[in-house]
Amino acid sequence: MPVTPSFTSGTITANTQSTTTVNEVIRQQDYSNGYTYVVTGVNVRANDTGAPVSLSYPGNGTTAIATPTCVAGVGNICYGTSYSVINPGAAFQLTETYTGPGIFRDTAIDRTTTQTSITTSTSVFTQ
């Protein structure tokens, strides 16, 4: 005997939800095997050269200064050089930094990312 459905149309809806959580732990240490000597200033000159100060000689793992108390090729600007204010009474700034080999950057990142995806499917059928 034939079967006759008792409906003429219909729909089916399906929902799917998924959640993904990613926990990241990043640890990085950057090392320098050379020396870094930096002198910067505003309204300041090196007494040995008389030139305004603006010197940066990096050695962060790429170039090492053989004698870390003097920087070759920049006149007499050396670690321990004396400095003078160019225009007395005006604002001035002097920074002299000497760093030897070792860790120069320590990075620590802890990050959690959560992503939720929802998919809805609908099927429509008729007879």
PDB file of N, CA and C in Angstrom:
ATOM      1  N   MET A   1       0.840  -1.146   0.000  1.00  0.00           N
ATOM      2  CA  MET A   1       0.000   0.000   0.000  1.00  0.00           C
ATOM      3  C   MET A   1       0.906   1.237   0.000  1.00  0.00           C
ATOM      4  N   PRO A   2       0.603   2.181  -0.873  1.00  0.00           N
ATOM      5  CA  PRO A   2       1.430   3.381  -0.934  1.00  0.00           C
ATOM      6  C   PRO A   2       1.254   4.237   0.324  1.00  0.00           C
ATOM      7  N   VAL A   3       2.368   4.880   0.676  1.00  0.00           N
ATOM      8  CA  VAL A   3       2.355   5.774   1.854  1.00  0.00           C
ATOM      9  C   VAL A   3       2.264   7.202   1.342  1.00  0.00           C
ATOM     10  N   THR A   4       1.359   7.947   1.894  1.00  0.00           N
ATOM     11  CA  THR A   4       1.190   9.339   1.507  1.00  0.00           C
ATOM     12  C   THR A   4       1.508  10.211   2.717  1.00  0.00           C
ATOM     13  N   PRO A   5       2.505  11.094   2.578  1.00  0.00           N
ATOM     14  CA  PRO A   5       2.830  11.953   3.720  1.00  0.00           C
ATOM     15  C   PRO A   5       1.671  12.892   4.026  1.00  0.00           C
ATOM     16  N   SER A   6       1.591  13.284   5.306  1.00  0.00           N
ATOM     17  CA  SER A   6       0.495  14.163   5.715  1.00  0.00           C
ATOM     18  C   SER A   6       0.949  15.625   5.849  1.00  0.00           C
ATOM     19  N   PHE A   7       2.040  15.993   5.154  1.00  0.00           N
ATOM     20  CA  PHE A   7       2.498  17.384   5.191  1.00  0.00           C
ATOM     21  C   PHE A   7       2.764  17.827   3.766  1.00  0.00           C
ATOM     22  N   THR A   8       2.826  19.129   3.582  1.00  0.00           N
ATOM     23  CA  THR A   8       3.096  19.657   2.253  1.00  0.00           C
ATOM     24  C   THR A   8       4.440  20.384   2.190  1.00  0.00           C
ATOM     25  N   SER A   9       4.920  20.882   3.318  1.00  0.00           N
ATOM     26  CA  SER A   9       6.226  21.528   3.343  1.00  0.00           C
ATOM     27  C   SER A   9       6.759  21.526   4.774  1.00  0.00           C
ATOM     28  N   GLY A  10       8.042  21.842   4.884  1.00  0.00           N
ATOM     29  CA  GLY A  10       8.632  21.876   6.220  1.00  0.00           C
ATOM     30  C   GLY A  10      10.046  22.459   6.183  1.00  0.00           C
ATOM     31  N   THR A  11      10.589  22.730   7.332  1.00  0.00           N
ATOM     32  CA  THR A  11      11.961  23.230   7.446  1.00  0.00           C
ATOM     33  C   THR A  11      12.656  22.517   8.602  1.00  0.00           C
ATOM     34  N   ILE A  12      13.950  22.380   8.447  1.00  0.00           N
ATOM     35  CA  ILE A  12      14.794  21.856   9.525  1.00  0.00           C
ATOM     36  C   ILE A  12      15.913  22.873   9.731  1.00  0.00           C
ATOM     37  N   THR A  13      16.123  23.271  10.958  1.00  0.00           N
ATOM     38  CA  THR A  13      17.190  24.218  11.287  1.00  0.00           C
ATOM     39  C   THR A  13      18.159  23.539  12.246  1.00  0.00           C
ATOM     40  N   ALA A  14      19.452  23.620  11.912  1.00  0.00           N
ATOM     41  CA  ALA A  14      20.488  23.035  12.768  1.00  0.00           C
ATOM     42  C   ALA A  14      21.488  24.127  13.139  1.00  0.00           C
ATOM     43  N   ASN A  15      21.823  24.211  14.422  1.00  0.00           N
ATOM     44  CA  ASN A  15      22.821  25.169  14.912  1.00  0.00           C
ATOM     45  C   ASN A  15      24.038  24.399  15.411  1.00  0.00           C
ATOM     46  N   THR A  16      25.207  24.855  14.984  1.00  0.00           N
ATOM     47  CA  THR A  16      26.464  24.261  15.439  1.00  0.00           C
ATOM     48  C   THR A  16      27.325  25.374  16.024  1.00  0.00           C
ATOM     49  N   GLN A  17      27.808  25.177  17.242  1.00  0.00           N
ATOM     50  CA  GLN A  17      28.663  26.176  17.880  1.00  0.00           C
ATOM     51  C   GLN A  17      29.954  25.497  18.325  1.00  0.00           C
ATOM     52  N   SER A  18      31.069  26.142  18.000  1.00  0.00           N
ATOM     53  CA  SER A  18      32.365  25.622  18.450  1.00  0.00           C
ATOM     54  C   SER A  18      33.174  26.774  19.038  1.00  0.00           C
ATOM     55  N   THR A  19      33.923  26.465  20.079  1.00  0.00           N
ATOM     56  CA  THR A  19      34.769  27.459  20.748  1.00  0.00           C
ATOM     57  C   THR A  19      36.191  26.933  20.789  1.00  0.00           C
ATOM     58  N   THR A  20      37.129  27.783  20.359  1.00  0.00           N
ATOM     59  CA  THR A  20      38.551  27.427  20.373  1.00  0.00           C
ATOM     60  C   THR A  20      39.280  28.423  21.266  1.00  0.00           C
ATOM     61  N   THR A  21      40.079  27.908  22.182  1.00  0.00           N
ATOM     62  CA  THR A  21      40.877  28.749  23.065  1.00  0.00           C
ATOM     63  C   THR A  21      42.346  28.418  22.846  1.00  0.00           C
ATOM     64  N   VAL A  22      43.141  29.456  22.594  1.00  0.00           N
ATOM     65  CA  VAL A  22      44.578  29.287  22.377  1.00  0.00           C
ATOM     66  C   VAL A  22      45.307  30.057  23.478  1.00  0.00           C
ATOM     67  N   ASN A  23      46.137  29.352  24.227  1.00  0.00           N
ATOM     68  CA  ASN A  23      46.977  29.968  25.248  1.00  0.00           C
ATOM     69  C   ASN A  23      48.398  30.033  24.717  1.00  0.00           C
ATOM     70  N   GLU A  24      48.945  31.253  24.596  1.00  0.00           N
ATOM     71  CA  GLU A  24      50.303  31.446  24.094  1.00  0.00           C
ATOM     72  C   GLU A  24      51.203  31.910  25.230  1.00  0.00           C
ATOM     73  N   VAL A  25      52.370  31.327  25.308  1.00  0.00           N
ATOM     74  CA  VAL A  25      53.398  31.761  26.247  1.00  0.00           C
ATOM     75  C   VAL A  25      54.652  31.978  25.419  1.00  0.00           C
ATOM     76  N   ILE A  26      55.101  33.235  25.346  1.00  0.00           N
ATOM     77  CA  ILE A  26      56.278  33.587  24.562  1.00  0.00           C
ATOM     78  C   ILE A  26      57.323  34.143  25.512  1.00  0.00           C
ATOM     79  N   ARG A  27      58.500  33.558  25.480  1.00  0.00           N
ATOM     80  CA  ARG A  27      59.633  34.031  26.279  1.00  0.00           C
ATOM     81  C   ARG A  27      60.818  34.209  25.335  1.00  0.00           C
ATOM     82  N   GLN A  28      61.421  35.397  25.355  1.00  0.00           N
ATOM     83  CA  GLN A  28      62.549  35.666  24.467  1.00  0.00           C
ATOM     84  C   GLN A  28      63.558  36.536  25.194  1.00  0.00           C
ATOM     85  N   GLN A  29      64.820  36.151  25.079  1.00  0.00           N
ATOM     86  CA  GLN A  29      65.906  36.956  25.621  1.00  0.00           C
ATOM     87  C   GLN A  29      66.885  37.249  24.498  1.00  0.00           C
ATOM     88  N   ASP A  30      67.214  38.524  24.336  1.00  0.00           N
ATOM     89  CA  ASP A  30      68.172  38.942  23.324  1.00  0.00           C
ATOM     90  C   ASP A  30      69.475  39.291  24.016  1.00  0.00           C
ATOM     91  N   TYR A  31      70.560  38.740  23.483  1.00  0.00           N
ATOM     92  CA  TYR A  31      71.873  38.918  24.078  1.00  0.00           C
ATOM     93  C   TYR A  31      72.743  39.794  23.188  1.00  0.00           C
ATOM     94  N   SER A  32      73.649  40.511  23.805  1.00  0.00           N
ATOM     95  CA  SER A  32      74.629  41.305  23.088  1.00  0.00           C
ATOM     96  C   SER A  32      76.004  40.744  23.414  1.00  0.00           C
ATOM     97  N   ASN A  33      76.807  40.553  22.374  1.00  0.00           N
ATOM     98  CA  ASN A  33      78.169  40.088  22.624  1.00  0.00           C
ATOM     99  C   ASN A  33      79.178  41.213  22.441  1.00  0.00           C
ATOM    100  N   GLY A  34      78.658  42.423  22.212  1.00  0.00           N
ATOM    101  CA  GLY A  34      79.537  43.578  22.047  1.00  0.00           C
ATOM    102  C   GLY A  34      79.176  44.659  23.035  1.00  0.00           C
ATOM    103  N   TYR A  35      79.777  45.806  22.868  1.00  0.00           N
ATOM    104  CA  TYR A  35      79.540  46.948  23.738  1.00  0.00           C
ATOM    105  C   TYR A  35      78.688  47.975  23.019  1.00  0.00           C
ATOM    106  N   THR A  36      77.926  48.737  23.775  1.00  0.00           N
ATOM    107  CA  THR A  36      77.164  49.836  23.215  1.00  0.00           C
ATOM    108  C   THR A  36      77.558  51.104  23.961  1.00  0.00           C
ATOM    109  N   TYR A  37      77.924  52.118  23.205  1.00  0.00           N
ATOM    110  CA  TYR A  37      78.303  53.403  23.787  1.00  0.00           C
ATOM    111  C   TYR A  37      77.492  54.481  23.087  1.00  0.00           C
ATOM    112  N   VAL A  38      76.669  55.200  23.832  1.00  0.00           N
ATOM    113  CA  VAL A  38      75.786  56.200  23.249  1.00  0.00           C
ATOM    114  C   VAL A  38      75.926  57.496  24.041  1.00  0.00           C
ATOM    115  N   VAL A  39      76.134  58.594  23.324  1.00  0.00           N
ATOM    116  CA  VAL A  39      76.153  59.920  23.932  1.00  0.00           C
ATOM    117  C   VAL A  39      75.190  60.791  23.146  1.00  0.00           C
ATOM    118  N   THR A  40      74.204  61.363  23.817  1.00  0.00           N
ATOM    119  CA  THR A  40      73.279  62.278  23.171  1.00  0.00           C
ATOM    120  C   THR A  40      73.146  63.514  24.041  1.00  0.00           C
ATOM    121  N   GLY A  41      72.845  64.627  23.432  1.00  0.00           N
ATOM    122  CA  GLY A  41      72.694  65.840  24.206  1.00  0.00           C
ATOM    123  C   GLY A  41      72.069  66.958  23.418  1.00  0.00           C
ATOM    124  N   VAL A  42      71.599  67.946  24.145  1.00  0.00           N
ATOM    125  CA  VAL A  42      71.047  69.159  23.581  1.00  0.00           C
ATOM    126  C   VAL A  42      71.775  70.319  24.256  1.00  0.00           C
ATOM    127  N   ASN A  43      72.332  71.220  23.456  1.00  0.00           N
ATOM    128  CA  ASN A  43      73.062  72.377  23.962  1.00  0.00           C
ATOM    129  C   ASN A  43      74.301  71.947  24.764  1.00  0.00           C
ATOM    130  N   VAL A  44      74.955  70.877  24.317  1.00  0.00           N
ATOM    131  CA  VAL A  44      76.139  70.352  24.994  1.00  0.00           C
ATOM    132  C   VAL A  44      77.189  70.012  23.940  1.00  0.00           C
ATOM    133  N   ARG A  45      78.472  70.244  24.267  1.00  0.00           N
ATOM    134  CA  ARG A  45      79.552  69.869  23.361  1.00  0.00           C
ATOM    135  C   ARG A  45      80.600  69.082  24.140  1.00  0.00           C
ATOM    136  N   ALA A  46      81.317  68.258  23.393  1.00  0.00           N
ATOM    137  CA  ALA A  46      82.422  67.510  23.982  1.00  0.00           C
ATOM    138  C   ALA A  46      83.624  68.437  24.050  1.00  0.00           C
ATOM    139  N   ASN A  47      84.265  68.549  25.213  1.00  0.00           N
ATOM    140  CA  ASN A  47      85.396  69.463  25.374  1.00  0.00           C
ATOM    141  C   ASN A  47      86.584  69.053  24.510  1.00  0.00           C
ATOM    142  N   ASP A  48      86.739  67.741  24.238  1.00  0.00           N
ATOM    143  CA  ASP A  48      87.876  67.278  23.452  1.00  0.00           C
ATOM    144  C   ASP A  48      87.776  67.704  21.995  1.00  0.00           C
ATOM    145  N   THR A  49      86.565  67.767  21.448  1.00  0.00           N
ATOM    146  CA  THR A  49      86.402  68.069  20.030  1.00  0.00           C
ATOM    147  C   THR A  49      85.753  69.419  19.781  1.00  0.00           C
ATOM    148  N   GLY A  50      84.983  69.909  20.749  1.00  0.00           N
ATOM    149  CA  GLY A  50      84.249  71.156  20.554  1.00  0.00           C
ATOM    150  C   GLY A  50      83.002  70.983  19.731  1.00  0.00           C
ATOM    151  N   ALA A  51      82.733  69.760  19.276  1.00  0.00           N
ATOM    152  CA  ALA A  51      81.563  69.499  18.430  1.00  0.00           C
ATOM    153  C   ALA A  51      80.335  69.247  19.297  1.00  0.00           C
ATOM    154  N   PRO A  52      79.147  69.676  18.805  1.00  0.00           N
ATOM    155  CA  PRO A  52      77.918  69.336  19.532  1.00  0.00           C
ATOM    156  C   PRO A  52      77.780  67.817  19.639  1.00  0.00           C
ATOM    157  N   VAL A  53      77.192  67.373  20.723  1.00  0.00           N
ATOM    158  CA  VAL A  53      77.113  65.938  21.007  1.00  0.00           C
ATOM    159  C   VAL A  53      75.902  65.322  20.333  1.00  0.00           C
ATOM    160  N   SER A  54      76.129  64.292  19.561  1.00  0.00           N
ATOM    161  CA  SER A  54      75.081  63.451  18.995  1.00  0.00           C
ATOM    162  C   SER A  54      75.783  62.235  18.430  1.00  0.00           C
ATOM    163  N   LEU A  55      76.030  61.261  19.258  1.00  0.00           N
ATOM    164  CA  LEU A  55      76.824  60.103  18.866  1.00  0.00           C
ATOM    165  C   LEU A  55      76.138  58.834  19.319  1.00  0.00           C
ATOM    166  N   SER A  56      76.070  57.861  18.452  1.00  0.00           N
ATOM    167  CA  SER A  56      75.546  56.559  18.821  1.00  0.00           C
ATOM    168  C   SER A  56      76.388  55.509  18.131  1.00  0.00           C
ATOM    169  N   TYR A  57      76.972  54.632  18.905  1.00  0.00           N
ATOM    170  CA  TYR A  57      77.791  53.563  18.341  1.00  0.00           C
ATOM    171  C   TYR A  57      77.296  52.239  18.913  1.00  0.00           C
ATOM    172  N   PRO A  58      76.373  51.555  18.202  1.00  0.00           N
ATOM    173  CA  PRO A  58      75.804  50.324  18.754  1.00  0.00           C
ATOM    174  C   PRO A  58      76.717  49.126  18.552  1.00  0.00           C
ATOM    175  N   GLY A  59      76.651  48.189  19.472  1.00  0.00           N
ATOM    176  CA  GLY A  59      77.394  46.952  19.337  1.00  0.00           C
ATOM    177  C   GLY A  59      76.535  45.756  19.679  1.00  0.00           C
ATOM    178  N   ASN A  60      75.233  45.893  19.603  1.00  0.00           N
ATOM    179  CA  ASN A  60      74.314  44.848  20.040  1.00  0.00           C
ATOM    180  C   ASN A  60      74.454  43.564  19.231  1.00  0.00           C
ATOM    181  N   GLY A  61      75.532  42.845  19.476  1.00  0.00           N
ATOM    182  CA  GLY A  61      75.714  41.552  18.857  1.00  0.00           C
ATOM    183  C   GLY A  61      76.240  41.609  17.442  1.00  0.00           C
ATOM    184  N   THR A  62      76.296  42.783  16.824  1.00  0.00           N
ATOM    185  CA  THR A  62      76.754  42.854  15.445  1.00  0.00           C
ATOM    186  C   THR A  62      78.162  43.429  15.353  1.00  0.00           C
ATOM    187  N   THR A  63      78.478  44.387  16.193  1.00  0.00           N
ATOM    188  CA  THR A  63      79.794  45.015  16.162  1.00  0.00           C
ATOM    189  C   THR A  63      80.270  45.206  17.595  1.00  0.00           C
ATOM    190  N   ALA A  64      81.439  44.744  17.889  1.00  0.00           N
ATOM    191  CA  ALA A  64      82.001  44.948  19.221  1.00  0.00           C
ATOM    192  C   ALA A  64      83.070  46.022  19.145  1.00  0.00           C
ATOM    193  N   ILE A  65      83.080  46.915  20.106  1.00  0.00           N
ATOM    194  CA  ILE A  65      84.126  47.928  20.175  1.00  0.00           C
ATOM    195  C   ILE A  65      85.334  47.274  20.813  1.00  0.00           C
ATOM    196  N   ALA A  66      86.450  47.270  20.099  1.00  0.00           N
ATOM    197  CA  ALA A  66      87.641  46.571  20.589  1.00  0.00           C
ATOM    198  C   ALA A  66      88.103  47.143  21.922  1.00  0.00           C
ATOM    199  N   THR A  67      88.171  48.456  22.017  1.00  0.00           N
ATOM    200  CA  THR A  67      88.516  49.111  23.276  1.00  0.00           C
ATOM    201  C   THR A  67      87.291  49.893  23.707  1.00  0.00           C
ATOM    202  N   PRO A  68      86.513  49.374  24.640  1.00  0.00           N
ATOM    203  CA  PRO A  68      85.218  49.989  24.933  1.00  0.00           C
ATOM    204  C   PRO A  68      85.293  51.365  25.561  1.00  0.00           C
ATOM    205  N   THR A  69      86.489  51.866  25.906  1.00  0.00           N
ATOM    206  CA  THR A  69      86.551  53.194  26.495  1.00  0.00           C
ATOM    207  C   THR A  69      86.640  54.288  25.445  1.00  0.00           C
ATOM    208  N   CYS A  70      86.890  53.963  24.180  1.00  0.00           N
ATOM    209  CA  CYS A  70      86.923  54.960  23.107  1.00  0.00           C
ATOM    210  C   CYS A  70      86.236  54.387  21.878  1.00  0.00           C
ATOM    211  N   VAL A  71      85.601  55.257  21.122  1.00  0.00           N
ATOM    212  CA  VAL A  71      84.943  54.836  19.891  1.00  0.00           C
ATOM    213  C   VAL A  71      85.807  55.289  18.733  1.00  0.00           C
ATOM    214  N   ALA A  72      86.259  54.338  17.947  1.00  0.00           N
ATOM    215  CA  ALA A  72      87.150  54.651  16.831  1.00  0.00           C
ATOM    216  C   ALA A  72      86.431  55.483  15.781  1.00  0.00           C
ATOM    217  N   GLY A  73      87.147  56.433  15.186  1.00  0.00           N
ATOM    218  CA  GLY A  73      86.613  57.174  14.054  1.00  0.00           C
ATOM    219  C   GLY A  73      85.690  58.321  14.394  1.00  0.00           C
ATOM    220  N   VAL A  74      85.557  58.701  15.663  1.00  0.00           N
ATOM    221  CA  VAL A  74      84.673  59.818  16.000  1.00  0.00           C
ATOM    222  C   VAL A  74      85.442  60.873  16.799  1.00  0.00           C
ATOM    223  N   GLY A  75      86.661  61.130  16.419  1.00  0.00           N
ATOM    224  CA  GLY A  75      87.451  62.131  17.130  1.00  0.00           C
ATOM    225  C   GLY A  75      87.891  61.609  18.480  1.00  0.00           C
ATOM    226  N   ASN A  76      87.832  62.466  19.459  1.00  0.00           N
ATOM    227  CA  ASN A  76      88.265  62.080  20.800  1.00  0.00           C
ATOM    228  C   ASN A  76      87.113  61.865  21.763  1.00  0.00           C
ATOM    229  N   ILE A  77      85.893  61.671  21.254  1.00  0.00           N
ATOM    230  CA  ILE A  77      84.768  61.436  22.162  1.00  0.00           C
ATOM    231  C   ILE A  77      84.891  60.025  22.697  1.00  0.00           C
ATOM    232  N   CYS A  78      85.222  59.920  23.970  1.00  0.00           N
ATOM    233  CA  CYS A  78      85.453  58.623  24.601  1.00  0.00           C
ATOM    234  C   CYS A  78      84.665  58.552  25.899  1.00  0.00           C
ATOM    235  N   TYR A  79      84.517  57.344  26.371  1.00  0.00           N
ATOM    236  CA  TYR A  79      83.926  57.130  27.683  1.00  0.00           C
ATOM    237  C   TYR A  79      84.733  57.938  28.695  1.00  0.00           C
ATOM    238  N   GLY A  80      84.092  58.807  29.458  1.00  0.00           N
ATOM    239  CA  GLY A  80      84.789  59.628  30.425  1.00  0.00           C
ATOM    240  C   GLY A  80      85.166  61.005  29.904  1.00  0.00           C
ATOM    241  N   THR A  81      84.821  61.338  28.660  1.00  0.00           N
ATOM    242  CA  THR A  81      85.087  62.663  28.104  1.00  0.00           C
ATOM    243  C   THR A  81      84.318  63.706  28.908  1.00  0.00           C
ATOM    244  N   SER A  82      84.872  64.893  29.054  1.00  0.00           N
ATOM    245  CA  SER A  82      84.152  65.966  29.744  1.00  0.00           C
ATOM    246  C   SER A  82      83.357  66.775  28.730  1.00  0.00           C
ATOM    247  N   TYR A  83      82.261  67.392  29.203  1.00  0.00           N
ATOM    248  CA  TYR A  83      81.341  68.117  28.333  1.00  0.00           C
ATOM    249  C   TYR A  83      81.063  69.490  28.913  1.00  0.00           C
ATOM    250  N   SER A  84      80.676  70.432  28.038  1.00  0.00           N
ATOM    251  CA  SER A  84      80.332  71.793  28.458  1.00  0.00           C
ATOM    252  C   SER A  84      79.026  72.210  27.806  1.00  0.00           C
ATOM    253  N   VAL A  85      78.334  73.140  28.471  1.00  0.00           N
ATOM    254  CA  VAL A  85      77.108  73.712  27.920  1.00  0.00           C
ATOM    255  C   VAL A  85      77.507  74.736  26.859  1.00  0.00           C
ATOM    256  N   ILE A  86      76.857  74.702  25.691  1.00  0.00           N
ATOM    257  CA  ILE A  86      77.185  75.611  24.592  1.00  0.00           C
ATOM    258  C   ILE A  86      76.659  77.013  24.891  1.00  0.00           C
ATOM    259  N   ASN A  87      75.388  77.136  25.235  1.00  0.00           N
ATOM    260  CA  ASN A  87      74.773  78.433  25.538  1.00  0.00           C
ATOM    261  C   ASN A  87      74.379  78.467  27.011  1.00  0.00           C
ATOM    262  N   PRO A  88      75.237  79.024  27.887  1.00  0.00           N
ATOM    263  CA  PRO A  88      74.918  79.069  29.318  1.00  0.00           C
ATOM    264  C   PRO A  88      73.585  79.770  29.570  1.00  0.00           C
ATOM    265  N   GLY A  89      72.831  79.251  30.493  1.00  0.00           N
ATOM    266  CA  GLY A  89      71.525  79.813  30.830  1.00  0.00           C
ATOM    267  C   GLY A  89      70.386  79.203  30.045  1.00  0.00           C
ATOM    268  N   ALA A  90      70.688  78.557  28.926  1.00  0.00           N
ATOM    269  CA  ALA A  90      69.649  77.886  28.132  1.00  0.00           C
ATOM    270  C   ALA A  90      69.499  76.448  28.633  1.00  0.00           C
ATOM    271  N   ALA A  91      68.380  75.843  28.312  1.00  0.00           N
ATOM    272  CA  ALA A  91      68.146  74.457  28.714  1.00  0.00           C
ATOM    273  C   ALA A  91      69.160  73.537  28.043  1.00  0.00           C
ATOM    274  N   PHE A  92      69.584  72.502  28.762  1.00  0.00           N
ATOM    275  CA  PHE A  92      70.513  71.529  28.188  1.00  0.00           C
ATOM    276  C   PHE A  92      70.192  70.136  28.713  1.00  0.00           C
ATOM    277  N   GLN A  93      70.689  69.148  27.986  1.00  0.00           N
ATOM    278  CA  GLN A  93      70.497  67.760  28.380  1.00  0.00           C
ATOM    279  C   GLN A  93      71.691  66.957  27.893  1.00  0.00           C
ATOM    280  N   LEU A  94      72.164  66.029  28.721  1.00  0.00           N
ATOM    281  CA  LEU A  94      73.269  65.152  28.345  1.00  0.00           C
ATOM    282  C   LEU A  94      72.985  63.754  28.857  1.00  0.00           C
ATOM    283  N   THR A  95      73.098  62.780  27.952  1.00  0.00           N
ATOM    284  CA  THR A  95      72.945  61.380  28.335  1.00  0.00           C
ATOM    285  C   THR A  95      74.133  60.624  27.790  1.00  0.00           C
ATOM    286  N   GLU A  96      74.838  59.920  28.666  1.00  0.00           N
ATOM    287  CA  GLU A  96      75.977  59.094  28.265  1.00  0.00           C
ATOM    288  C   GLU A  96      75.712  57.695  28.797  1.00  0.00           C
ATOM    289  N   THR A  97      75.623  56.727  27.883  1.00  0.00           N
ATOM    290  CA  THR A  97      75.284  55.359  28.269  1.00  0.00           C
ATOM    291  C   THR A  97      76.334  54.411  27.736  1.00  0.00           C
ATOM    292  N   TYR A  98      76.847  53.581  28.607  1.00  0.00           N
ATOM    293  CA  TYR A  98      77.825  52.553  28.234  1.00  0.00           C
ATOM    294  C   TYR A  98      77.296  51.225  28.744  1.00  0.00           C
ATOM    295  N   THR A  99      77.080  50.269  27.838  1.00  0.00           N
ATOM    296  CA  THR A  99      76.545  48.968  28.203  1.00  0.00           C
ATOM    297  C   THR A  99      77.459  47.886  27.667  1.00  0.00           C
ATOM    298  N   GLY A 100      77.808  46.952  28.525  1.00  0.00           N
ATOM    299  CA  GLY A 100      78.657  45.834  28.125  1.00  0.00           C
ATOM    300  C   GLY A 100      77.850  44.649  27.645  1.00  0.00           C
ATOM    301  N   PRO A 101      78.507  43.538  27.339  1.00  0.00           N
ATOM    302  CA  PRO A 101      77.810  42.345  26.854  1.00  0.00           C
ATOM    303  C   PRO A 101      76.834  41.793  27.892  1.00  0.00           C
ATOM    304  N   GLY A 102      75.803  41.111  27.408  1.00  0.00           N
ATOM    305  CA  GLY A 102      74.816  40.479  28.295  1.00  0.00           C
ATOM    306  C   GLY A 102      73.426  40.579  27.712  1.00  0.00           C
ATOM    307  N   ILE A 103      72.429  40.368  28.545  1.00  0.00           N
ATOM    308  CA  ILE A 103      71.033  40.450  28.108  1.00  0.00           C
ATOM    309  C   ILE A 103      70.664  41.923  27.982  1.00  0.00           C
ATOM    310  N   PHE A 104      70.165  42.319  26.799  1.00  0.00           N
ATOM    311  CA  PHE A 104      69.737  43.704  26.642  1.00  0.00           C
ATOM    312  C   PHE A 104      68.236  43.822  26.429  1.00  0.00           C
ATOM    313  N   ARG A 105      67.529  42.703  26.223  1.00  0.00           N
ATOM    314  CA  ARG A 105      66.073  42.734  26.100  1.00  0.00           C
ATOM    315  C   ARG A 105      65.522  41.411  26.606  1.00  0.00           C
ATOM    316  N   ASP A 106      64.508  41.497  27.466  1.00  0.00           N
ATOM    317  CA  ASP A 106      63.852  40.307  28.006  1.00  0.00           C
ATOM    318  C   ASP A 106      62.354  40.472  27.760  1.00  0.00           C
ATOM    319  N   THR A 107      61.795  39.620  26.908  1.00  0.00           N
ATOM    320  CA  THR A 107      60.397  39.733  26.516  1.00  0.00           C
ATOM    321  C   THR A 107      59.596  38.586  27.113  1.00  0.00           C
ATOM    322  N   ALA A 108      58.470  38.907  27.745  1.00  0.00           N
ATOM    323  CA  ALA A 108      57.568  37.892  28.302  1.00  0.00           C
ATOM    324  C   ALA A 108      56.143  38.262  27.897  1.00  0.00           C
ATOM    325  N   ILE A 109      55.514  37.382  27.120  1.00  0.00           N
ATOM    326  CA  ILE A 109      54.141  37.615  26.662  1.00  0.00           C
ATOM    327  C   ILE A 109      53.301  36.404  27.036  1.00  0.00           C
ATOM    328  N   ASP A 110      52.210  36.630  27.752  1.00  0.00           N
ATOM    329  CA  ASP A 110      51.211  35.612  28.068  1.00  0.00           C
ATOM    330  C   ASP A 110      49.894  36.106  27.471  1.00  0.00           C
ATOM    331  N   ARG A 111      49.366  35.327  26.524  1.00  0.00           N
ATOM    332  CA  ARG A 111      48.187  35.795  25.804  1.00  0.00           C
ATOM    333  C   ARG A 111      47.208  34.638  25.636  1.00  0.00           C
ATOM    334  N   THR A 112      45.918  34.911  25.879  1.00  0.00           N
ATOM    335  CA  THR A 112      44.865  33.930  25.669  1.00  0.00           C
ATOM    336  C   THR A 112      43.880  34.509  24.659  1.00  0.00           C
ATOM    337  N   THR A 113      43.608  33.732  23.603  1.00  0.00           N
ATOM    338  CA  THR A 113      42.678  34.155  22.565  1.00  0.00           C
ATOM    339  C   THR A 113      41.553  33.124  22.485  1.00  0.00           C
ATOM    340  N   THR A 114      40.309  33.597  22.558  1.00  0.00           N
ATOM    341  CA  THR A 114      39.152  32.709  22.454  1.00  0.00           C
ATOM    342  C   THR A 114      38.339  33.111  21.235  1.00  0.00           C
ATOM    343  N   GLN A 115      38.027  32.105  20.403  1.00  0.00           N
ATOM    344  CA  GLN A 115      37.247  32.359  19.193  1.00  0.00           C
ATOM    345  C   GLN A 115      36.030  31.445  19.209  1.00  0.00           C
ATOM    346  N   THR A 116      34.844  32.033  19.019  1.00  0.00           N
ATOM    347  CA  THR A 116      33.599  31.269  18.977  1.00  0.00           C
ATOM    348  C   THR A 116      33.015  31.362  17.578  1.00  0.00           C
ATOM    349  N   SER A 117      32.623  30.208  17.028  1.00  0.00           N
ATOM    350  CA  SER A 117      32.040  30.154  15.693  1.00  0.00           C
ATOM    351  C   SER A 117      30.656  29.512  15.796  1.00  0.00           C
ATOM    352  N   ILE A 118      29.662  30.184  15.230  1.00  0.00           N
ATOM    353  CA  ILE A 118      28.290  29.656  15.228  1.00  0.00           C
ATOM    354  C   ILE A 118      27.839  29.521  13.779  1.00  0.00           C
ATOM    355  N   THR A 119      27.393  28.323  13.417  1.00  0.00           N
ATOM    356  CA  THR A 119      26.911  28.050  12.067  1.00  0.00           C
ATOM    357  C   THR A 119      25.447  27.613  12.159  1.00  0.00           C
ATOM    358  N   THR A 120      24.594  28.264  11.384  1.00  0.00           N
ATOM    359  CA  THR A 120      23.174  27.907  11.327  1.00  0.00           C
ATOM    360  C   THR A 120      22.849  27.435   9.920  1.00  0.00           C
ATOM    361  N   SER A 121      22.280  26.226   9.811  1.00  0.00           N
ATOM    362  CA  SER A 121      21.869  25.646   8.523  1.00  0.00           C
ATOM    363  C   SER A 121      20.360  25.442   8.531  1.00  0.00           C
ATOM    364  N   THR A 122      19.734  25.872   7.470  1.00  0.00           N
ATOM    365  CA  THR A 122      18.299  25.696   7.344  1.00  0.00           C
ATOM    366  C   THR A 122      17.982  24.969   6.052  1.00  0.00           C
ATOM    367  N   SER A 123      17.207  23.883   6.159  1.00  0.00           N
ATOM    368  CA  SER A 123      16.777  23.126   4.975  1.00  0.00           C
ATOM    369  C   SER A 123      15.265  23.297   4.826  1.00  0.00           C
ATOM    370  N   VAL A 124      14.829  23.596   3.613  1.00  0.00           N
ATOM    371  CA  VAL A 124      13.408  23.769   3.317  1.00  0.00           C
ATOM    372  C   VAL A 124      13.021  22.679   2.324  1.00  0.00           C
ATOM    373  N   PHE A 125      11.944  22.002   2.608  1.00  0.00           N
ATOM    374  CA  PHE A 125      11.516  20.971   1.684  1.00  0.00           C
ATOM    375  C   PHE A 125      10.006  21.073   1.492  1.00  0.00           C
ATOM    376  N   THR A 126       9.556  20.636   0.291  1.00  0.00           N
ATOM    377  CA  THR A 126       8.137  20.633  -0.039  1.00  0.00           C
ATOM    378  C   THR A 126       7.800  19.334  -0.746  1.00  0.00           C
ATOM    379  N   GLN A 127       6.574  19.036  -0.763  1.00  0.00           N
ATOM    380  CA  GLN A 127       6.115  17.821  -1.423  1.00  0.00           C
ATOM    381  C   GLN A 127       5.394  18.143  -2.704  1.00  0.00           C
TER     382      GLN A 127
END
